[in-house]
Amino acid sequence: MQRGLLINCTHDFALRLLPPFIINRAQVGEFLRLFELVLATTPQQASASDSGTAANPARAHAAAR
């Protein structure tokens, strides 16, 4: 939300994106730029199933919940 994106984390590895029906190439590019920034700056978290191993990069979205 701080970067202007609203993304719904529905399950452990699923993000729900709800773009408008009418969207242009520039808007998609802006979303991708912001989304990449959010993922790059979100701390990674290890789950209980990781058993103390390094955090899984696919779980970087956990803080977006």
Protein backbone atom coordinates (compact mmCIF):
# COMPACT_ATOMS: atom_id res chain seq x y z
CA MET A 1 0.00 0.00 0.00
CA GLN A 2 2.91 2.36 0.71
CA ARG A 3 3.96 2.08 -2.95
CA GLY A 4 0.42 2.40 -4.33
CA LEU A 5 -0.25 -1.30 -4.93
CA LEU A 6 -3.08 -3.37 -3.49
CA ILE A 7 -2.31 -7.10 -3.70
CA ASN A 8 -4.25 -9.86 -1.99
CA CYS A 9 -2.20 -12.82 -0.69
CA THR A 10 -4.73 -15.66 -0.90
CA HIS A 11 -2.50 -18.63 -0.01
CA ASP A 12 1.13 -19.26 0.89
CA PHE A 13 2.31 -18.94 -2.72
CA ALA A 14 -0.55 -17.19 -4.51
CA LEU A 15 -1.05 -13.47 -5.07
CA ARG A 16 -4.33 -12.17 -6.43
CA LEU A 17 -3.97 -9.28 -8.83
CA LEU A 18 -7.13 -7.48 -9.91
CA PRO A 19 -6.20 -5.03 -12.67
CA PRO A 20 -8.89 -2.95 -14.35
CA PHE A 21 -10.46 -4.30 -17.54
CA ILE A 22 -8.92 -1.43 -19.48
CA ILE A 23 -5.20 -1.10 -18.87
CA ASN A 24 -2.44 0.20 -21.09
CA ARG A 25 1.17 -0.87 -21.59
CA ALA A 26 2.52 2.03 -19.51
CA GLN A 27 0.33 1.07 -16.54
CA VAL A 28 1.49 -2.55 -16.73
CA GLY A 29 5.11 -1.38 -16.86
CA GLU A 30 4.58 0.87 -13.83
CA PHE A 31 3.00 -1.99 -11.88
CA LEU A 32 5.89 -4.33 -12.73
CA ARG A 33 8.45 -1.72 -11.70
CA LEU A 34 6.72 -1.11 -8.37
CA PHE A 35 6.07 -4.80 -7.73
CA GLU A 36 9.72 -5.65 -8.32
CA LEU A 37 10.71 -2.88 -5.91
CA VAL A 38 8.32 -4.18 -3.26
CA LEU A 39 9.63 -7.74 -3.56
CA ALA A 40 13.25 -6.58 -3.50
CA THR A 41 12.74 -4.53 -0.33
CA THR A 42 10.50 -6.97 1.56
CA PRO A 43 12.34 -8.94 4.26
CA GLN A 44 12.33 -12.67 3.65
CA GLN A 45 10.79 -14.84 6.34
CA ALA A 46 11.46 -18.52 7.03
CA SER A 47 8.41 -20.67 7.69
CA ALA A 48 8.15 -23.38 10.33
CA SER A 49 8.52 -25.98 7.56
CA ASP A 50 11.95 -24.55 6.62
CA SER A 51 13.37 -26.10 9.82
CA GLY A 52 15.93 -23.35 10.33
CA THR A 53 17.24 -23.33 6.76
CA ALA A 54 17.67 -20.16 4.71
CA ALA A 55 14.46 -18.31 3.83
CA ASN A 56 12.76 -19.28 0.58
CA PRO A 57 12.77 -16.33 -1.91
CA ALA A 58 9.25 -17.24 -3.04
CA ARG A 59 7.99 -16.32 0.43
CA ALA A 60 9.13 -12.70 0.13
CA HIS A 61 5.52 -11.66 -0.24
CA ALA A 62 4.65 -12.73 3.31
CA ALA A 63 4.96 -9.20 4.66
CA ALA A 64 2.46 -7.96 2.06
CA ARG A 65 -0.38 -9.81 3.81
